[in-house]
């Protein structure tokens, strides 16, 4: 599913966010990406989502070499990716339903299918009764679950989450991580960037650890996967 081959990312000014990174994440696997703030976790996810491009090396996603994808084709690649941010990025002038429906509207789904999929996604995150609510009236944990529903509403093959529990208390953090585990159980490949090692240890999924843009630990390689 994911193959990083000697990936480096250098930003203007000379800062190298990632250096010679190589690993594989098989289809249907759940993996945590750990490391200190500034280790390169967010940059790695941005490369997968094609928000950024690598300076060197190749990224293969589901058999497609992302280096060969033109800017015009990026939206087609992203159709198979769900992205969850730490700070939600919700539209506060629209109700929960419209926030979750946004990817489907962009993809051109019909009205009836949008309603069906949005309510199914909200049900999965326990917010079916909140579809008409304004996001500003929800708790932080509920807002994060709206963001998760929006990311999974189009049933992506790959789910990326960047510090999704960073602003939540331990109980809510565990609840959110367990949600990701449920999505993974039905075949979604899940990659979660998090610095919360204590929480990650509770959940037991393999982890890849970064330090100053370099990989220092890879459970998948130890298991003979990467």
N, C-alpha and C. Protein backbone atom coordinates (compact mmCIF):
# COMPACT_ATOMS: atom_id res chain seq x y z
N UNK A 1 0.83 -1.22 0.00
CA UNK A 1 0.00 0.00 0.00
C UNK A 1 0.87 1.26 0.00
N UNK A 2 1.79 1.38 1.01
CA UNK A 2 2.67 2.53 1.11
C UNK A 2 4.12 2.06 1.04
N UNK A 3 4.89 2.68 0.17
CA UNK A 3 6.31 2.35 0.07
C UNK A 3 7.10 3.66 -0.07
N UNK A 4 7.87 3.98 0.95
CA UNK A 4 8.80 5.11 0.90
C UNK A 4 10.18 4.55 0.56
N UNK A 5 10.79 5.06 -0.50
CA UNK A 5 12.09 4.58 -0.95
C UNK A 5 13.09 5.73 -0.92
N UNK A 6 13.91 5.76 0.14
CA UNK A 6 14.98 6.77 0.29
C UNK A 6 14.46 8.19 0.15
N UNK A 7 13.37 8.49 0.88
CA UNK A 7 12.73 9.80 0.78
C UNK A 7 13.43 10.84 1.65
N UNK A 8 13.71 11.98 1.04
CA UNK A 8 14.20 13.15 1.76
C UNK A 8 13.34 14.34 1.39
N UNK A 9 13.16 15.24 2.34
CA UNK A 9 12.42 16.48 2.08
C UNK A 9 13.19 17.65 2.68
N UNK A 10 13.66 18.51 1.79
CA UNK A 10 14.38 19.72 2.21
C UNK A 10 13.54 20.94 1.83
N UNK A 11 13.29 21.82 2.81
CA UNK A 11 12.50 23.02 2.58
C UNK A 11 13.41 24.19 2.16
N UNK A 12 12.83 25.20 1.50
CA UNK A 12 13.62 26.39 1.17
C UNK A 12 14.28 26.95 2.43
N UNK A 13 15.54 27.30 2.31
CA UNK A 13 16.28 27.76 3.49
C UNK A 13 17.22 26.69 4.01
N UNK A 14 17.01 25.44 3.53
CA UNK A 14 17.96 24.39 3.87
C UNK A 14 17.53 23.39 4.92
N UNK A 15 16.39 23.62 5.59
CA UNK A 15 15.97 22.68 6.63
C UNK A 15 15.55 21.35 6.02
N UNK A 16 16.19 20.27 6.45
CA UNK A 16 15.85 18.94 5.95
C UNK A 16 14.90 18.28 6.95
N UNK A 17 13.62 18.21 6.60
CA UNK A 17 12.60 17.67 7.50
C UNK A 17 12.63 16.15 7.55
N UNK A 18 12.99 15.51 6.42
CA UNK A 18 13.11 14.05 6.35
C UNK A 18 14.39 13.71 5.61
N UNK A 19 15.05 12.63 6.05
CA UNK A 19 16.31 12.26 5.44
C UNK A 19 16.38 10.75 5.21
N UNK A 20 16.45 10.35 3.95
CA UNK A 20 16.68 8.95 3.55
C UNK A 20 15.73 7.98 4.25
N UNK A 21 14.45 8.26 4.15
CA UNK A 21 13.44 7.46 4.83
C UNK A 21 12.94 6.34 3.92
N UNK A 22 13.05 5.10 4.39
CA UNK A 22 12.56 3.94 3.62
C UNK A 22 11.75 3.03 4.54
N UNK A 23 10.54 2.72 4.13
CA UNK A 23 9.69 1.78 4.87
C UNK A 23 8.50 1.38 4.01
N UNK A 24 7.81 0.33 4.45
CA UNK A 24 6.59 -0.13 3.78
C UNK A 24 5.50 -0.32 4.82
N UNK A 25 4.29 0.03 4.46
CA UNK A 25 3.10 -0.28 5.25
C UNK A 25 2.15 -1.06 4.35
N UNK A 26 1.89 -2.34 4.65
CA UNK A 26 1.03 -3.15 3.79
C UNK A 26 -0.42 -2.68 3.81
N UNK A 27 -1.15 -3.02 2.78
CA UNK A 27 -2.58 -2.73 2.71
C UNK A 27 -3.29 -3.36 3.92
N UNK A 28 -4.21 -2.58 4.51
CA UNK A 28 -5.00 -3.08 5.62
C UNK A 28 -4.31 -3.06 6.96
N UNK A 29 -3.12 -2.45 7.04
CA UNK A 29 -2.37 -2.40 8.29
C UNK A 29 -2.65 -1.08 9.01
N UNK A 30 -2.55 -1.11 10.34
CA UNK A 30 -2.63 0.12 11.14
C UNK A 30 -1.26 0.34 11.76
N UNK A 31 -0.74 1.56 11.66
CA UNK A 31 0.60 1.85 12.15
C UNK A 31 0.64 3.25 12.75
N UNK A 32 1.39 3.40 13.84
CA UNK A 32 1.58 4.70 14.47
C UNK A 32 2.92 5.29 14.05
N UNK A 33 2.92 6.59 13.84
CA UNK A 33 4.12 7.34 13.50
C UNK A 33 4.45 8.22 14.70
N UNK A 34 5.58 7.95 15.36
CA UNK A 34 5.89 8.65 16.60
C UNK A 34 7.18 9.47 16.45
N UNK A 35 7.40 10.33 17.43
CA UNK A 35 8.59 11.17 17.43
C UNK A 35 8.29 12.51 18.06
N UNK A 36 9.35 13.22 18.43
CA UNK A 36 9.21 14.53 19.07
C UNK A 36 8.61 15.54 18.11
N UNK A 37 8.18 16.68 18.64
CA UNK A 37 7.69 17.76 17.79
C UNK A 37 8.81 18.22 16.87
N UNK A 38 8.54 18.24 15.57
CA UNK A 38 9.57 18.59 14.61
C UNK A 38 10.36 17.41 14.08
N UNK A 39 9.96 16.19 14.46
CA UNK A 39 10.68 14.99 14.01
C UNK A 39 10.46 14.70 12.54
N UNK A 40 9.35 15.22 11.98
CA UNK A 40 9.06 14.98 10.57
C UNK A 40 7.77 14.23 10.32
N UNK A 41 6.99 14.00 11.37
CA UNK A 41 5.76 13.22 11.24
C UNK A 41 4.76 13.89 10.31
N UNK A 42 4.51 15.17 10.55
CA UNK A 42 3.53 15.88 9.71
C UNK A 42 4.01 15.99 8.27
N UNK A 43 5.29 16.20 8.08
CA UNK A 43 5.83 16.27 6.72
C UNK A 43 5.60 14.95 5.99
N UNK A 44 5.82 13.84 6.68
CA UNK A 44 5.61 12.52 6.07
C UNK A 44 4.17 12.37 5.60
N UNK A 45 3.23 12.76 6.45
CA UNK A 45 1.81 12.65 6.07
C UNK A 45 1.48 13.58 4.90
N UNK A 46 2.06 14.77 4.90
CA UNK A 46 1.81 15.71 3.80
C UNK A 46 2.35 15.19 2.48
N UNK A 47 3.44 14.45 2.52
CA UNK A 47 3.97 13.84 1.30
C UNK A 47 3.01 12.78 0.77
N UNK A 48 2.44 11.99 1.67
CA UNK A 48 1.48 10.97 1.26
C UNK A 48 0.21 11.59 0.67
N UNK A 49 -0.22 12.70 1.26
CA UNK A 49 -1.43 13.38 0.79
C UNK A 49 -1.15 14.29 -0.40
N UNK A 50 0.13 14.36 -0.80
CA UNK A 50 0.57 15.20 -1.92
C UNK A 50 0.33 16.69 -1.66
N UNK A 51 0.33 17.07 -0.38
CA UNK A 51 0.33 18.48 -0.01
C UNK A 51 1.74 19.03 -0.21
N UNK A 52 2.73 18.17 0.00
CA UNK A 52 4.13 18.48 -0.28
C UNK A 52 4.68 17.43 -1.24
N UNK A 53 5.80 17.74 -1.87
CA UNK A 53 6.50 16.81 -2.76
C UNK A 53 7.88 16.51 -2.17
N UNK A 54 8.38 15.28 -2.34
CA UNK A 54 9.71 14.97 -1.82
C UNK A 54 10.81 15.66 -2.62
N UNK A 55 11.94 15.90 -1.95
CA UNK A 55 13.10 16.45 -2.65
C UNK A 55 13.89 15.35 -3.35
N UNK A 56 13.93 14.17 -2.72
CA UNK A 56 14.60 13.01 -3.31
C UNK A 56 13.85 11.74 -2.93
N UNK A 57 14.03 10.71 -3.73
CA UNK A 57 13.42 9.42 -3.45
C UNK A 57 12.06 9.26 -4.11
N UNK A 58 11.46 8.09 -3.90
CA UNK A 58 10.18 7.77 -4.52
C UNK A 58 9.16 7.33 -3.47
N UNK A 59 7.91 7.73 -3.70
CA UNK A 59 6.79 7.26 -2.88
C UNK A 59 5.85 6.48 -3.79
N UNK A 60 5.60 5.23 -3.43
CA UNK A 60 4.65 4.40 -4.16
C UNK A 60 3.42 4.21 -3.27
N UNK A 61 2.26 4.60 -3.76
CA UNK A 61 1.02 4.47 -3.01
C UNK A 61 0.05 3.61 -3.81
N UNK A 62 -0.24 2.45 -3.28
CA UNK A 62 -1.16 1.52 -3.95
C UNK A 62 -0.74 1.26 -5.40
N UNK A 63 0.56 1.07 -5.58
CA UNK A 63 1.09 0.75 -6.90
C UNK A 63 1.35 1.94 -7.81
N UNK A 64 1.03 3.15 -7.34
CA UNK A 64 1.21 4.36 -8.15
C UNK A 64 2.41 5.15 -7.63
N UNK A 65 3.32 5.50 -8.53
CA UNK A 65 4.46 6.32 -8.16
C UNK A 65 4.01 7.79 -8.09
N UNK A 66 3.95 8.33 -6.88
CA UNK A 66 3.44 9.69 -6.71
C UNK A 66 4.34 10.73 -7.36
N UNK A 67 5.60 10.40 -7.57
CA UNK A 67 6.50 11.34 -8.24
C UNK A 67 6.06 11.65 -9.66
N UNK A 68 5.32 10.71 -10.25
CA UNK A 68 4.91 10.87 -11.65
C UNK A 68 3.53 11.50 -11.79
N UNK A 69 2.90 11.87 -10.67
CA UNK A 69 1.55 12.43 -10.70
C UNK A 69 1.61 13.95 -10.91
N UNK A 70 0.94 14.42 -11.96
CA UNK A 70 0.88 15.86 -12.21
C UNK A 70 -0.04 16.53 -11.19
N UNK A 71 0.11 17.83 -11.01
CA UNK A 71 -0.75 18.56 -10.08
C UNK A 71 -2.23 18.39 -10.43
N UNK A 72 -2.51 18.29 -11.71
CA UNK A 72 -3.90 18.15 -12.16
C UNK A 72 -4.52 16.83 -11.70
N UNK A 73 -3.68 15.79 -11.55
CA UNK A 73 -4.18 14.47 -11.17
C UNK A 73 -4.23 14.24 -9.66
N UNK A 74 -3.69 15.18 -8.88
CA UNK A 74 -3.66 15.01 -7.43
C UNK A 74 -5.05 14.77 -6.84
N UNK A 75 -6.10 15.51 -7.24
CA UNK A 75 -7.43 15.25 -6.66
C UNK A 75 -7.91 13.81 -6.86
N UNK A 76 -7.52 13.18 -7.95
CA UNK A 76 -7.93 11.80 -8.19
C UNK A 76 -7.24 10.84 -7.22
N UNK A 77 -5.98 11.12 -6.88
CA UNK A 77 -5.27 10.31 -5.89
C UNK A 77 -5.91 10.49 -4.52
N UNK A 78 -6.28 11.73 -4.20
CA UNK A 78 -6.83 12.01 -2.87
C UNK A 78 -8.22 11.41 -2.67
N UNK A 79 -8.88 10.99 -3.73
CA UNK A 79 -10.19 10.35 -3.58
C UNK A 79 -10.11 9.09 -2.72
N UNK A 80 -8.94 8.49 -2.66
CA UNK A 80 -8.76 7.26 -1.90
C UNK A 80 -8.11 7.49 -0.55
N UNK A 81 -8.02 8.78 -0.15
CA UNK A 81 -7.36 9.13 1.11
C UNK A 81 -8.30 9.95 1.99
N UNK A 82 -8.36 9.61 3.26
CA UNK A 82 -9.06 10.42 4.24
C UNK A 82 -8.02 11.08 5.15
N UNK A 83 -8.17 12.36 5.42
CA UNK A 83 -7.18 13.10 6.21
C UNK A 83 -7.84 13.73 7.43
N UNK A 84 -7.25 13.50 8.60
CA UNK A 84 -7.78 14.04 9.86
C UNK A 84 -6.70 14.91 10.49
N UNK A 85 -7.09 16.14 10.84
CA UNK A 85 -6.16 17.09 11.42
C UNK A 85 -6.40 17.24 12.93
N UNK A 86 -5.38 17.69 13.63
CA UNK A 86 -5.51 17.91 15.07
C UNK A 86 -6.53 19.01 15.35
N UNK A 87 -6.56 20.03 14.52
CA UNK A 87 -7.40 21.20 14.78
C UNK A 87 -8.69 21.21 13.94
N UNK A 88 -9.13 20.04 13.55
CA UNK A 88 -10.46 19.81 12.94
C UNK A 88 -10.64 20.43 11.55
N UNK A 89 -10.35 21.74 11.40
CA UNK A 89 -10.58 22.46 10.13
C UNK A 89 -12.04 22.34 9.70
N UNK A 90 -12.96 22.49 10.66
CA UNK A 90 -14.38 22.45 10.33
C UNK A 90 -14.84 23.82 9.83
N UNK A 91 -15.95 23.81 9.08
CA UNK A 91 -16.57 25.05 8.63
C UNK A 91 -17.65 25.44 9.63
N UNK A 92 -17.40 26.50 10.38
CA UNK A 92 -18.29 26.85 11.48
C UNK A 92 -19.56 27.57 11.05
N UNK A 93 -19.64 27.93 9.77
CA UNK A 93 -20.86 28.56 9.28
C UNK A 93 -21.83 27.54 8.69
N UNK A 94 -21.52 26.25 8.83
CA UNK A 94 -22.38 25.19 8.30
C UNK A 94 -22.61 24.13 9.36
N UNK A 95 -23.76 23.45 9.33
CA UNK A 95 -24.03 22.40 10.33
C UNK A 95 -23.13 21.19 10.13
N UNK A 96 -23.16 20.31 11.10
CA UNK A 96 -22.36 19.09 11.08
C UNK A 96 -22.58 18.30 9.80
N UNK A 97 -23.85 18.13 9.39
CA UNK A 97 -24.16 17.36 8.18
C UNK A 97 -23.39 17.90 6.98
N UNK A 98 -23.41 19.20 6.77
CA UNK A 98 -22.76 19.80 5.61
C UNK A 98 -21.24 19.65 5.67
N UNK A 99 -20.68 19.71 6.88
CA UNK A 99 -19.24 19.50 7.03
C UNK A 99 -18.85 18.10 6.59
N UNK A 100 -19.60 17.12 7.03
CA UNK A 100 -19.28 15.73 6.71
C UNK A 100 -19.53 15.45 5.23
N UNK A 101 -20.54 16.09 4.66
CA UNK A 101 -20.92 15.85 3.27
C UNK A 101 -19.93 16.43 2.26
N UNK A 102 -19.07 17.35 2.69
CA UNK A 102 -18.24 18.10 1.76
C UNK A 102 -17.45 17.22 0.76
N UNK A 103 -16.76 16.15 1.20
CA UNK A 103 -16.03 15.35 0.21
C UNK A 103 -16.94 14.73 -0.84
N UNK A 104 -18.15 14.35 -0.44
CA UNK A 104 -19.09 13.73 -1.38
C UNK A 104 -19.62 14.75 -2.39
N UNK A 105 -19.85 15.96 -1.92
CA UNK A 105 -20.30 17.03 -2.82
C UNK A 105 -19.21 17.31 -3.87
N UNK A 106 -17.96 17.38 -3.40
CA UNK A 106 -16.84 17.64 -4.31
C UNK A 106 -16.71 16.52 -5.34
N UNK A 107 -16.97 15.29 -4.90
CA UNK A 107 -16.85 14.13 -5.79
C UNK A 107 -18.07 13.94 -6.69
N UNK A 108 -19.12 14.74 -6.48
CA UNK A 108 -20.27 14.69 -7.36
C UNK A 108 -21.30 13.63 -7.06
N UNK A 109 -21.37 13.19 -5.80
CA UNK A 109 -22.39 12.20 -5.43
C UNK A 109 -23.78 12.81 -5.50
N UNK A 110 -24.77 11.98 -5.75
CA UNK A 110 -26.16 12.44 -5.79
C UNK A 110 -26.67 12.70 -4.37
N UNK A 111 -27.69 13.56 -4.30
CA UNK A 111 -28.21 14.02 -3.01
C UNK A 111 -28.63 12.84 -2.11
N UNK A 112 -29.33 11.89 -2.65
CA UNK A 112 -29.82 10.76 -1.86
C UNK A 112 -28.66 9.94 -1.30
N UNK A 113 -27.65 9.71 -2.12
CA UNK A 113 -26.48 8.94 -1.69
C UNK A 113 -25.68 9.70 -0.64
N UNK A 114 -25.60 11.02 -0.79
CA UNK A 114 -24.91 11.85 0.20
C UNK A 114 -25.57 11.69 1.57
N UNK A 115 -26.90 11.81 1.61
CA UNK A 115 -27.61 11.67 2.88
C UNK A 115 -27.35 10.33 3.53
N UNK A 116 -27.38 9.28 2.73
CA UNK A 116 -27.17 7.93 3.25
C UNK A 116 -25.77 7.77 3.82
N UNK A 117 -24.78 8.23 3.07
CA UNK A 117 -23.39 8.06 3.51
C UNK A 117 -23.04 8.93 4.70
N UNK A 118 -23.54 10.18 4.71
CA UNK A 118 -23.24 11.08 5.82
C UNK A 118 -23.82 10.53 7.12
N UNK A 119 -25.05 10.05 7.07
CA UNK A 119 -25.65 9.53 8.30
C UNK A 119 -24.98 8.24 8.77
N UNK A 120 -24.52 7.44 7.83
CA UNK A 120 -23.78 6.23 8.19
C UNK A 120 -22.46 6.60 8.87
N UNK A 121 -21.77 7.62 8.34
CA UNK A 121 -20.50 8.04 8.92
C UNK A 121 -20.70 8.64 10.31
N UNK A 122 -21.74 9.46 10.46
CA UNK A 122 -22.03 10.05 11.77
C UNK A 122 -22.41 8.99 12.78
N UNK A 123 -23.12 7.97 12.33
CA UNK A 123 -23.49 6.87 13.21
C UNK A 123 -22.24 6.14 13.69
N UNK A 124 -21.27 5.96 12.81
CA UNK A 124 -20.03 5.26 13.17
C UNK A 124 -19.25 5.99 14.26
N UNK A 125 -19.34 7.32 14.29
CA UNK A 125 -18.60 8.08 15.30
C UNK A 125 -19.50 8.53 16.44
N UNK A 126 -20.74 8.03 16.48
CA UNK A 126 -21.63 8.32 17.60
C UNK A 126 -22.25 9.70 17.60
N UNK A 127 -22.42 10.30 16.42
CA UNK A 127 -22.94 11.67 16.35
C UNK A 127 -24.17 11.79 15.46
N UNK A 128 -24.89 10.70 15.29
CA UNK A 128 -26.04 10.73 14.37
C UNK A 128 -27.07 11.78 14.77
N UNK A 129 -27.23 12.00 16.07
CA UNK A 129 -28.23 12.96 16.53
C UNK A 129 -27.74 14.42 16.48
N UNK A 130 -26.51 14.61 16.02
CA UNK A 130 -25.93 15.96 16.00
C UNK A 130 -25.83 16.52 14.58
N UNK A 131 -26.47 15.90 13.60
CA UNK A 131 -26.26 16.30 12.21
C UNK A 131 -26.67 17.75 11.93
N UNK A 132 -27.66 18.27 12.68
CA UNK A 132 -28.12 19.64 12.45
C UNK A 132 -27.42 20.65 13.35
N UNK A 133 -26.54 20.19 14.23
CA UNK A 133 -25.88 21.08 15.18
C UNK A 133 -24.81 21.92 14.51
N UNK A 134 -24.58 23.10 15.06
CA UNK A 134 -23.47 23.93 14.62
C UNK A 134 -22.19 23.41 15.29
N UNK A 135 -21.08 23.27 14.55
CA UNK A 135 -19.85 22.74 15.15
C UNK A 135 -19.41 23.48 16.40
N UNK A 136 -19.66 24.79 16.46
CA UNK A 136 -19.21 25.59 17.60
C UNK A 136 -19.89 25.16 18.90
N UNK A 137 -21.04 24.50 18.81
CA UNK A 137 -21.78 24.06 20.01
C UNK A 137 -21.29 22.71 20.52
N UNK A 138 -20.38 22.06 19.79
CA UNK A 138 -19.91 20.74 20.18
C UNK A 138 -18.66 20.81 21.04
N UNK A 139 -18.43 19.77 21.82
CA UNK A 139 -17.20 19.68 22.61
C UNK A 139 -16.02 19.41 21.68
N UNK A 140 -14.81 19.54 22.23
CA UNK A 140 -13.61 19.28 21.42
C UNK A 140 -13.58 17.86 20.88
N UNK A 141 -13.97 16.90 21.73
CA UNK A 141 -14.00 15.51 21.28
C UNK A 141 -15.03 15.28 20.19
N UNK A 142 -16.18 15.93 20.31
CA UNK A 142 -17.22 15.80 19.28
C UNK A 142 -16.78 16.44 17.97
N UNK A 143 -16.11 17.59 18.06
CA UNK A 143 -15.61 18.23 16.84
C UNK A 143 -14.59 17.33 16.14
N UNK A 144 -13.74 16.68 16.93
CA UNK A 144 -12.76 15.79 16.31
C UNK A 144 -13.46 14.61 15.63
N UNK A 145 -14.54 14.12 16.23
CA UNK A 145 -15.28 13.01 15.62
C UNK A 145 -16.00 13.45 14.34
N UNK A 146 -16.41 14.71 14.28
CA UNK A 146 -16.97 15.23 13.02
C UNK A 146 -15.89 15.20 11.94
N UNK A 147 -14.67 15.61 12.32
CA UNK A 147 -13.56 15.56 11.37
C UNK A 147 -13.27 14.14 10.90
N UNK A 148 -13.40 13.18 11.80
CA UNK A 148 -13.19 11.78 11.44
C UNK A 148 -14.30 11.30 10.50
N UNK A 149 -15.54 11.65 10.81
CA UNK A 149 -16.66 11.27 9.93
C UNK A 149 -16.46 11.84 8.53
N UNK A 150 -16.02 13.07 8.44
CA UNK A 150 -15.76 13.69 7.13
C UNK A 150 -14.65 12.95 6.39
N UNK A 151 -13.66 12.46 7.12
CA UNK A 151 -12.53 11.78 6.48
C UNK A 151 -12.89 10.39 5.98
N UNK A 152 -13.88 9.74 6.61
CA UNK A 152 -14.20 8.36 6.23
C UNK A 152 -15.50 8.24 5.42
N UNK A 153 -16.18 9.36 5.19
CA UNK A 153 -17.51 9.31 4.55
C UNK A 153 -17.45 8.76 3.13
N UNK A 154 -16.32 8.96 2.44
CA UNK A 154 -16.19 8.46 1.07
C UNK A 154 -15.48 7.10 1.02
N UNK A 155 -15.35 6.46 2.20
CA UNK A 155 -14.78 5.11 2.32
C UNK A 155 -13.40 5.01 1.68
N UNK A 156 -12.45 5.81 2.17
CA UNK A 156 -11.11 5.79 1.58
C UNK A 156 -10.36 4.51 1.92
N UNK A 157 -9.43 4.14 1.06
CA UNK A 157 -8.60 2.97 1.31
C UNK A 157 -7.52 3.29 2.35
N UNK A 158 -7.13 4.57 2.44
CA UNK A 158 -6.07 5.01 3.35
C UNK A 158 -6.57 6.15 4.21
N UNK A 159 -6.34 6.04 5.52
CA UNK A 159 -6.73 7.07 6.48
C UNK A 159 -5.48 7.61 7.14
N UNK A 160 -5.25 8.93 7.04
CA UNK A 160 -4.11 9.59 7.64
C UNK A 160 -4.60 10.51 8.76
N UNK A 161 -3.98 10.44 9.92
CA UNK A 161 -4.38 11.28 11.05
C UNK A 161 -3.15 11.94 11.66
N UNK A 162 -3.17 13.26 11.74
CA UNK A 162 -2.04 14.03 12.26
C UNK A 162 -2.35 14.53 13.66
N UNK A 163 -1.77 13.90 14.67
CA UNK A 163 -2.00 14.24 16.08
C UNK A 163 -3.49 14.40 16.39
N UNK A 164 -4.30 13.40 16.11
CA UNK A 164 -5.75 13.56 16.25
C UNK A 164 -6.25 13.67 17.69
N UNK A 165 -5.37 13.34 18.66
CA UNK A 165 -5.80 13.40 20.07
C UNK A 165 -5.02 14.46 20.85
N UNK A 166 -4.31 15.33 20.13
CA UNK A 166 -3.42 16.28 20.79
C UNK A 166 -4.10 17.24 21.75
N UNK A 167 -5.38 17.55 21.49
CA UNK A 167 -6.09 18.52 22.34
C UNK A 167 -7.13 17.86 23.25
N UNK A 168 -7.07 16.53 23.37
CA UNK A 168 -8.10 15.81 24.12
C UNK A 168 -7.55 15.21 25.40
N UNK A 169 -8.44 14.98 26.37
CA UNK A 169 -8.01 14.34 27.61
C UNK A 169 -7.78 12.84 27.36
N UNK A 170 -7.12 12.13 28.30
CA UNK A 170 -6.76 10.73 28.07
C UNK A 170 -7.94 9.82 27.73
N UNK A 171 -9.08 10.01 28.39
CA UNK A 171 -10.23 9.15 28.13
C UNK A 171 -10.75 9.34 26.70
N UNK A 172 -10.89 10.59 26.29
CA UNK A 172 -11.35 10.87 24.92
C UNK A 172 -10.32 10.43 23.88
N UNK A 173 -9.05 10.58 24.23
CA UNK A 173 -7.99 10.16 23.32
C UNK A 173 -8.07 8.67 23.04
N UNK A 174 -8.29 7.88 24.08
CA UNK A 174 -8.41 6.44 23.91
C UNK A 174 -9.62 6.11 23.05
N UNK A 175 -10.72 6.82 23.27
CA UNK A 175 -11.95 6.60 22.50
C UNK A 175 -11.71 6.86 21.01
N UNK A 176 -10.99 7.95 20.70
CA UNK A 176 -10.71 8.29 19.31
C UNK A 176 -9.81 7.24 18.66
N UNK A 177 -8.77 6.79 19.39
CA UNK A 177 -7.87 5.78 18.85
C UNK A 177 -8.60 4.45 18.61
N UNK A 178 -9.53 4.13 19.49
CA UNK A 178 -10.30 2.90 19.30
C UNK A 178 -11.19 2.98 18.07
N UNK A 179 -11.66 4.20 17.75
CA UNK A 179 -12.41 4.41 16.51
C UNK A 179 -11.56 4.05 15.29
N UNK A 180 -10.31 4.52 15.30
CA UNK A 180 -9.41 4.21 14.18
C UNK A 180 -9.20 2.71 14.06
N UNK A 181 -9.08 2.04 15.20
CA UNK A 181 -8.88 0.59 15.19
C UNK A 181 -10.09 -0.11 14.56
N UNK A 182 -11.28 0.41 14.80
CA UNK A 182 -12.48 -0.19 14.20
C UNK A 182 -12.48 -0.03 12.69
N UNK A 183 -12.07 1.14 12.21
CA UNK A 183 -11.98 1.34 10.76
C UNK A 183 -10.95 0.39 10.16
N UNK A 184 -9.84 0.21 10.85
CA UNK A 184 -8.81 -0.70 10.37
C UNK A 184 -9.31 -2.15 10.29
N UNK A 185 -10.17 -2.52 11.21
CA UNK A 185 -10.69 -3.90 11.24
C UNK A 185 -11.53 -4.24 10.02
N UNK A 186 -12.05 -3.21 9.34
CA UNK A 186 -12.84 -3.48 8.12
C UNK A 186 -12.01 -3.25 6.86
N UNK A 187 -10.68 -3.19 7.02
CA UNK A 187 -9.80 -3.18 5.87
C UNK A 187 -9.13 -1.88 5.50
N UNK A 188 -9.44 -0.78 6.21
CA UNK A 188 -8.82 0.51 5.91
C UNK A 188 -7.38 0.53 6.42
N UNK A 189 -6.45 0.97 5.58
CA UNK A 189 -5.08 1.18 6.03
C UNK A 189 -5.03 2.49 6.82
N UNK A 190 -4.45 2.47 8.01
CA UNK A 190 -4.48 3.63 8.90
C UNK A 190 -3.06 3.99 9.34
N UNK A 191 -2.69 5.26 9.16
CA UNK A 191 -1.40 5.77 9.61
C UNK A 191 -1.65 6.98 10.49
N UNK A 192 -1.26 6.90 11.75
CA UNK A 192 -1.56 7.94 12.73
C UNK A 192 -0.27 8.52 13.29
N UNK A 193 -0.08 9.82 13.14
CA UNK A 193 1.04 10.52 13.76
C UNK A 193 0.64 10.95 15.16
N UNK A 194 1.44 10.56 16.16
CA UNK A 194 1.13 10.91 17.54
C UNK A 194 2.40 10.89 18.38
N UNK A 195 2.48 11.82 19.32
CA UNK A 195 3.61 11.82 20.26
C UNK A 195 3.23 11.16 21.58
N UNK A 196 1.98 10.67 21.70
CA UNK A 196 1.48 10.10 22.96
C UNK A 196 1.87 8.63 23.06
N UNK A 197 3.10 8.38 23.48
CA UNK A 197 3.62 7.01 23.53
C UNK A 197 2.86 6.14 24.53
N UNK A 198 2.44 6.73 25.63
CA UNK A 198 1.70 5.96 26.64
C UNK A 198 0.40 5.41 26.06
N UNK A 199 -0.31 6.25 25.31
CA UNK A 199 -1.55 5.82 24.68
C UNK A 199 -1.28 4.76 23.62
N UNK A 200 -0.25 4.96 22.82
CA UNK A 200 0.09 4.02 21.76
C UNK A 200 0.42 2.64 22.33
N UNK A 201 1.14 2.62 23.44
CA UNK A 201 1.49 1.34 24.06
C UNK A 201 0.25 0.58 24.51
N UNK A 202 -0.79 1.31 24.93
CA UNK A 202 -2.05 0.65 25.34
C UNK A 202 -2.70 -0.09 24.18
N UNK A 203 -2.52 0.43 22.97
CA UNK A 203 -3.28 -0.06 21.82
C UNK A 203 -2.55 -1.14 21.03
N UNK A 204 -1.23 -1.19 21.14
CA UNK A 204 -0.50 -2.34 20.64
C UNK A 204 -0.20 -2.40 19.16
N UNK A 205 -0.64 -1.45 18.34
CA UNK A 205 -0.33 -1.49 16.91
C UNK A 205 1.16 -1.17 16.70
N UNK A 206 1.74 -1.62 15.59
CA UNK A 206 3.15 -1.33 15.33
C UNK A 206 3.40 0.15 15.16
N UNK A 207 4.64 0.56 15.40
CA UNK A 207 4.98 1.97 15.27
C UNK A 207 6.29 2.16 14.50
N UNK A 208 6.35 3.30 13.84
CA UNK A 208 7.56 3.79 13.19
C UNK A 208 7.96 5.06 13.92
N UNK A 209 9.19 5.13 14.40
CA UNK A 209 9.63 6.30 15.18
C UNK A 209 10.65 7.12 14.42
N UNK A 210 10.47 8.44 14.48
CA UNK A 210 11.37 9.37 13.82
C UNK A 210 12.10 10.24 14.84
N UNK A 211 13.30 10.64 14.50
CA UNK A 211 14.05 11.61 15.29
C UNK A 211 14.83 12.49 14.33
N UNK A 212 14.56 13.78 14.36
CA UNK A 212 15.24 14.74 13.49
C UNK A 212 15.19 14.31 12.02
N UNK A 213 14.01 13.81 11.60
CA UNK A 213 13.81 13.47 10.21
C UNK A 213 14.32 12.11 9.78
N UNK A 214 14.92 11.37 10.71
CA UNK A 214 15.44 10.04 10.39
C UNK A 214 14.67 8.96 11.14
N UNK A 215 14.56 7.80 10.54
CA UNK A 215 13.86 6.70 11.20
C UNK A 215 14.80 6.02 12.19
N UNK A 216 14.34 5.87 13.43
CA UNK A 216 15.15 5.23 14.46
C UNK A 216 14.54 3.92 14.94
N UNK A 217 13.31 3.63 14.51
CA UNK A 217 12.64 2.39 14.95
C UNK A 217 11.53 2.07 13.98
N UNK A 218 11.39 0.78 13.64
CA UNK A 218 10.35 0.36 12.71
C UNK A 218 9.87 -1.04 13.09
N UNK A 219 8.74 -1.13 13.77
CA UNK A 219 8.19 -2.43 14.16
C UNK A 219 7.86 -3.29 12.96
N UNK A 220 7.44 -2.66 11.85
CA UNK A 220 7.07 -3.43 10.67
C UNK A 220 8.27 -4.15 10.08
N UNK A 221 9.43 -3.49 10.09
CA UNK A 221 10.65 -4.12 9.60
C UNK A 221 11.04 -5.29 10.50
N UNK A 222 10.88 -5.11 11.80
CA UNK A 222 11.23 -6.18 12.74
C UNK A 222 10.33 -7.40 12.54
N UNK A 223 9.10 -7.13 12.08
CA UNK A 223 8.15 -8.22 11.86
C UNK A 223 8.33 -8.84 10.47
N UNK A 224 9.32 -8.33 9.72
CA UNK A 224 9.58 -8.87 8.40
C UNK A 224 8.66 -8.34 7.32
N UNK A 225 7.96 -7.22 7.62
CA UNK A 225 7.02 -6.63 6.66
C UNK A 225 7.72 -5.64 5.76
N UNK A 226 8.58 -4.80 6.32
CA UNK A 226 9.20 -3.71 5.54
C UNK A 226 10.68 -3.96 5.32
